[in-house]
Amino acid sequence: MNKNRRSLLASGSILILILLILIGITYTGSHKEQQSQEQELKAIEASAAYSIMDKDWSVNYHVKKKRIYVENIIPRFSFQGSVNKKTNDMDGYIAVFVNGKWKMNVNQSIFILKNMNQGKHKITLQLKKKDGSNYGLNKNIYVHIR
């Protein structure tokens, strides 16, 4: 009977050891999964708070007679105001300067500069907040009207 008792205790100990190992593996796996989910959330939050940079803003333009057709592509920026405040999108307008002099404010991504004089011109686009303060982003376009 001692022999049976010892084998029963040994198999019980092995069973408990196996259970502890399985619990440890499960905890480690769920802990890694939780860390992975936390990292994904941090990445999402970081991208939502990511501010617009100069490289994000692209400007396309076309000169035809005395007109300059300008298209701005600015991700995460709204001219009508942020519809969804949770996205942290920036909003505002573009101040347009021709040869250093203010020409107009633009509330849309595509606009036309009309009645330009002949010659070379430097067009400066400044991204502005609704209150008129500057985002610190400018784009310059150099054109020649013939």
C-alpha atoms as a PDB file:
ATOM      1  CA  MET A   1       0.000   0.000   0.000  1.00  0.00           C
ATOM      2  CA  ASN A   2       2.890   2.351   0.616  1.00  0.00           C
ATOM      3  CA  LYS A   3       3.962   1.836  -2.945  1.00  0.00           C
ATOM      4  CA  ASN A   4       0.483   2.686  -4.260  1.00  0.00           C
ATOM      5  CA  ARG A   5       0.324   5.704  -2.010  1.00  0.00           C
ATOM      6  CA  ARG A   6       3.692   6.980  -3.221  1.00  0.00           C
ATOM      7  CA  SER A   7       2.722   6.569  -6.896  1.00  0.00           C
ATOM      8  CA  LEU A   8      -0.578   8.341  -6.203  1.00  0.00           C
ATOM      9  CA  LEU A   9       1.258  11.207  -4.489  1.00  0.00           C
ATOM     10  CA  ALA A  10       3.812  11.359  -7.308  1.00  0.00           C
ATOM     11  CA  SER A  11       1.134  11.456 -10.006  1.00  0.00           C
ATOM     12  CA  GLY A  12      -0.804  14.076  -8.014  1.00  0.00           C
ATOM     13  CA  SER A  13       2.331  16.194  -7.692  1.00  0.00           C
ATOM     14  CA  ILE A  14       2.999  15.873 -11.410  1.00  0.00           C
ATOM     15  CA  LEU A  15      -0.599  16.871 -12.155  1.00  0.00           C
ATOM     16  CA  ILE A  16      -0.315  19.952  -9.919  1.00  0.00           C
ATOM     17  CA  LEU A  17       2.998  20.851 -11.574  1.00  0.00           C
ATOM     18  CA  ILE A  18       1.444  20.546 -15.040  1.00  0.00           C
ATOM     19  CA  LEU A  19      -1.493  22.746 -13.978  1.00  0.00           C
ATOM     20  CA  LEU A  20       0.880  25.402 -12.624  1.00  0.00           C
ATOM     21  CA  ILE A  21       2.868  25.373 -15.859  1.00  0.00           C
ATOM     22  CA  LEU A  22      -0.324  25.724 -17.941  1.00  0.00           C
ATOM     23  CA  ILE A  23      -1.548  28.611 -15.774  1.00  0.00           C
ATOM     24  CA  GLY A  24       1.845  30.311 -16.155  1.00  0.00           C
ATOM     25  CA  ILE A  25       1.784  29.900 -19.938  1.00  0.00           C
ATOM     26  CA  THR A  26      -1.771  31.232 -20.133  1.00  0.00           C
ATOM     27  CA  TYR A  27      -0.903  34.239 -17.952  1.00  0.00           C
ATOM     28  CA  THR A  28       2.205  34.999 -19.996  1.00  0.00           C
ATOM     29  CA  GLY A  29       0.267  34.737 -23.267  1.00  0.00           C
ATOM     30  CA  SER A  30      -2.559  36.975 -22.051  1.00  0.00           C
ATOM     31  CA  HIS A  31      -0.037  39.434 -20.605  1.00  0.00           C
ATOM     32  CA  LYS A  32       1.773  39.639 -23.958  1.00  0.00           C
ATOM     33  CA  GLU A  33      -1.562  40.082 -25.734  1.00  0.00           C
ATOM     34  CA  GLN A  34      -2.496  42.878 -23.330  1.00  0.00           C
ATOM     35  CA  GLN A  35       0.883  44.584 -23.927  1.00  0.00           C
ATOM     36  CA  SER A  36       0.341  44.287 -27.677  1.00  0.00           C
ATOM     37  CA  GLN A  37      -3.118  45.877 -27.378  1.00  0.00           C
ATOM     38  CA  GLU A  38      -1.696  48.699 -25.242  1.00  0.00           C
ATOM     39  CA  GLN A  39       1.001  49.373 -27.849  1.00  0.00           C
ATOM     40  CA  GLU A  40      -1.627  49.495 -30.609  1.00  0.00           C
ATOM     41  CA  LEU A  41      -3.699  51.995 -28.611  1.00  0.00           C
ATOM     42  CA  LYS A  42      -0.635  54.172 -28.001  1.00  0.00           C
ATOM     43  CA  ALA A  43       0.146  54.116 -31.728  1.00  0.00           C
ATOM     44  CA  ILE A  44      -3.422  55.146 -32.569  1.00  0.00           C
ATOM     45  CA  GLU A  45      -3.322  57.960 -30.014  1.00  0.00           C
ATOM     46  CA  ALA A  46       0.034  59.145 -31.331  1.00  0.00           C
ATOM     47  CA  SER A  47      -1.214  59.248 -34.918  1.00  0.00           C
ATOM     48  CA  ALA A  48      -4.325  61.176 -33.850  1.00  0.00           C
ATOM     49  CA  ALA A  49      -2.189  63.759 -32.075  1.00  0.00           C
ATOM     50  CA  TYR A  50       0.300  63.919 -34.948  1.00  0.00           C
ATOM     51  CA  SER A  51       0.506  67.488 -36.167  1.00  0.00           C
ATOM     52  CA  ILE A  52       0.696  68.492 -39.779  1.00  0.00           C
ATOM     53  CA  MET A  53       4.228  68.892 -41.060  1.00  0.00           C
ATOM     54  CA  ASP A  54       5.617  70.653 -44.111  1.00  0.00           C
ATOM     55  CA  LYS A  55       6.145  67.352 -45.943  1.00  0.00           C
ATOM     56  CA  ASP A  56       2.445  66.474 -45.484  1.00  0.00           C
ATOM     57  CA  TRP A  57       1.235  69.566 -47.348  1.00  0.00           C
ATOM     58  CA  SER A  58       1.517  69.398 -51.120  1.00  0.00           C
ATOM     59  CA  VAL A  59       0.608  72.142 -53.577  1.00  0.00           C
ATOM     60  CA  ASN A  60      -0.217  71.665 -57.246  1.00  0.00           C
ATOM     61  CA  TYR A  61      -0.654  74.666 -59.527  1.00  0.00           C
ATOM     62  CA  HIS A  62      -1.201  75.542 -63.153  1.00  0.00           C
ATOM     63  CA  VAL A  63      -0.661  78.907 -64.862  1.00  0.00           C
ATOM     64  CA  LYS A  64      -3.011  79.819 -67.711  1.00  0.00           C
ATOM     65  CA  LYS A  65      -2.920  83.329 -69.161  1.00  0.00           C
ATOM     66  CA  LYS A  66      -3.279  85.706 -66.194  1.00  0.00           C
ATOM     67  CA  ARG A  67      -4.687  83.078 -63.829  1.00  0.00           C
ATOM     68  CA  ILE A  68      -3.040  80.660 -61.402  1.00  0.00           C
ATOM     69  CA  TYR A  69      -5.057  77.588 -60.457  1.00  0.00           C
ATOM     70  CA  VAL A  70      -3.914  76.273 -57.060  1.00  0.00           C
ATOM     71  CA  GLU A  71      -4.749  72.966 -55.369  1.00  0.00           C
ATOM     72  CA  ASN A  72      -3.701  72.194 -51.774  1.00  0.00           C
ATOM     73  CA  ILE A  73      -3.590  68.666 -50.388  1.00  0.00           C
ATOM     74  CA  ILE A  74      -3.355  68.778 -46.602  1.00  0.00           C
ATOM     75  CA  PRO A  75      -4.201  65.598 -44.687  1.00  0.00           C
ATOM     76  CA  ARG A  76      -5.892  65.984 -41.293  1.00  0.00           C
ATOM     77  CA  PHE A  77      -6.827  69.613 -42.044  1.00  0.00           C
ATOM     78  CA  SER A  78     -10.322  71.011 -42.480  1.00  0.00           C
ATOM     79  CA  PHE A  79     -11.403  74.337 -43.945  1.00  0.00           C
ATOM     80  CA  GLN A  80     -14.933  73.957 -42.524  1.00  0.00           C
ATOM     81  CA  GLY A  81     -13.890  73.108 -38.973  1.00  0.00           C
ATOM     82  CA  SER A  82     -13.372  69.700 -37.464  1.00  0.00           C
ATOM     83  CA  VAL A  83     -16.583  67.734 -37.730  1.00  0.00           C
ATOM     84  CA  ASN A  84     -15.367  65.085 -35.320  1.00  0.00           C
ATOM     85  CA  LYS A  85     -13.461  66.680 -32.416  1.00  0.00           C
ATOM     86  CA  LYS A  86     -12.093  63.261 -31.353  1.00  0.00           C
ATOM     87  CA  THR A  87      -9.826  63.071 -34.425  1.00  0.00           C
ATOM     88  CA  ASN A  88      -7.759  66.142 -33.430  1.00  0.00           C
ATOM     89  CA  ASP A  89      -7.840  67.375 -37.032  1.00  0.00           C
ATOM     90  CA  MET A  90      -6.602  70.922 -37.475  1.00  0.00           C
ATOM     91  CA  ASP A  91      -8.807  73.531 -39.045  1.00  0.00           C
ATOM     92  CA  GLY A  92      -8.510  77.046 -40.373  1.00  0.00           C
ATOM     93  CA  TYR A  93      -7.708  78.764 -43.655  1.00  0.00           C
ATOM     94  CA  ILE A  94      -4.867  79.718 -45.990  1.00  0.00           C
ATOM     95  CA  ALA A  95      -3.580  83.286 -46.195  1.00  0.00           C
ATOM     96  CA  VAL A  96      -2.284  84.049 -49.707  1.00  0.00           C
ATOM     97  CA  PHE A  97       0.501  86.569 -50.301  1.00  0.00           C
ATOM     98  CA  VAL A  98       1.751  87.703 -53.717  1.00  0.00           C
ATOM     99  CA  ASN A  99       5.271  89.139 -53.713  1.00  0.00           C
ATOM    100  CA  GLY A 100       5.074  89.635 -49.940  1.00  0.00           C
ATOM    101  CA  LYS A 101       1.721  91.496 -49.972  1.00  0.00           C
ATOM    102  CA  TRP A 102      -1.465  89.948 -48.606  1.00  0.00           C
ATOM    103  CA  LYS A 103      -3.847  89.092 -51.437  1.00  0.00           C
ATOM    104  CA  MET A 104      -6.680  87.054 -49.854  1.00  0.00           C
ATOM    105  CA  ASN A 105      -7.752  84.397 -47.379  1.00  0.00           C
ATOM    106  CA  VAL A 106      -8.917  81.070 -48.787  1.00  0.00           C
ATOM    107  CA  ASN A 107     -11.414  78.744 -47.091  1.00  0.00           C
ATOM    108  CA  GLN A 108     -11.102  75.832 -49.509  1.00  0.00           C
ATOM    109  CA  SER A 109      -8.377  73.618 -50.855  1.00  0.00           C
ATOM    110  CA  ILE A 110      -8.712  74.757 -54.482  1.00  0.00           C
ATOM    111  CA  PHE A 111      -8.705  78.389 -55.556  1.00  0.00           C
ATOM    112  CA  ILE A 112      -7.798  80.702 -58.452  1.00  0.00           C
ATOM    113  CA  LEU A 113      -5.617  83.811 -58.393  1.00  0.00           C
ATOM    114  CA  LYS A 114      -7.015  86.058 -61.144  1.00  0.00           C
ATOM    115  CA  ASN A 115      -5.730  89.118 -63.001  1.00  0.00           C
ATOM    116  CA  MET A 116      -2.064  88.533 -62.273  1.00  0.00           C
ATOM    117  CA  ASN A 117       0.384  91.004 -63.796  1.00  0.00           C
ATOM    118  CA  GLN A 118       2.988  89.841 -66.276  1.00  0.00           C
ATOM    119  CA  GLY A 119       6.343  88.880 -64.833  1.00  0.00           C
ATOM    120  CA  LYS A 120       7.748  86.644 -62.132  1.00  0.00           C
ATOM    121  CA  HIS A 121       5.851  86.279 -58.856  1.00  0.00           C
ATOM    122  CA  LYS A 122       6.431  84.625 -55.518  1.00  0.00           C
ATOM    123  CA  ILE A 123       3.170  83.220 -54.105  1.00  0.00           C
ATOM    124  CA  THR A 124       3.325  82.413 -50.387  1.00  0.00           C
ATOM    125  CA  LEU A 125       0.643  80.258 -48.765  1.00  0.00           C
ATOM    126  CA  GLN A 126       0.413  80.375 -44.953  1.00  0.00           C
ATOM    127  CA  LEU A 127      -1.647  77.870 -43.001  1.00  0.00           C
ATOM    128  CA  LYS A 128      -3.616  79.779 -40.345  1.00  0.00           C
ATOM    129  CA  LYS A 129      -5.848  78.873 -37.416  1.00  0.00           C
ATOM    130  CA  LYS A 130      -9.402  80.208 -37.297  1.00  0.00           C
ATOM    131  CA  ASP A 131      -8.310  82.870 -34.794  1.00  0.00           C
ATOM    132  CA  GLY A 132      -5.697  84.167 -37.270  1.00  0.00           C
ATOM    133  CA  SER A 133      -2.648  82.762 -35.500  1.00  0.00           C
ATOM    134  CA  ASN A 134      -0.102  80.905 -37.592  1.00  0.00           C
ATOM    135  CA  TYR A 135       0.421  77.126 -37.653  1.00  0.00           C
ATOM    136  CA  GLY A 136       3.997  77.847 -38.709  1.00  0.00           C
ATOM    137  CA  LEU A 137       3.633  76.186 -42.114  1.00  0.00           C
ATOM    138  CA  ASN A 138       4.296  78.058 -45.358  1.00  0.00           C
ATOM    139  CA  LYS A 139       4.550  77.011 -48.979  1.00  0.00           C
ATOM    140  CA  ASN A 140       6.129  79.133 -51.708  1.00  0.00           C
ATOM    141  CA  ILE A 141       5.289  78.942 -55.396  1.00  0.00           C
ATOM    142  CA  TYR A 142       7.314  80.764 -58.039  1.00  0.00           C
ATOM    143  CA  VAL A 143       5.457  81.520 -61.271  1.00  0.00           C
ATOM    144  CA  HIS A 144       6.093  83.442 -64.458  1.00  0.00           C
ATOM    145  CA  ILE A 145       3.103  85.099 -66.117  1.00  0.00           C
ATOM    146  CA  ARG A 146       3.746  85.847 -69.823  1.00  0.00           C
END
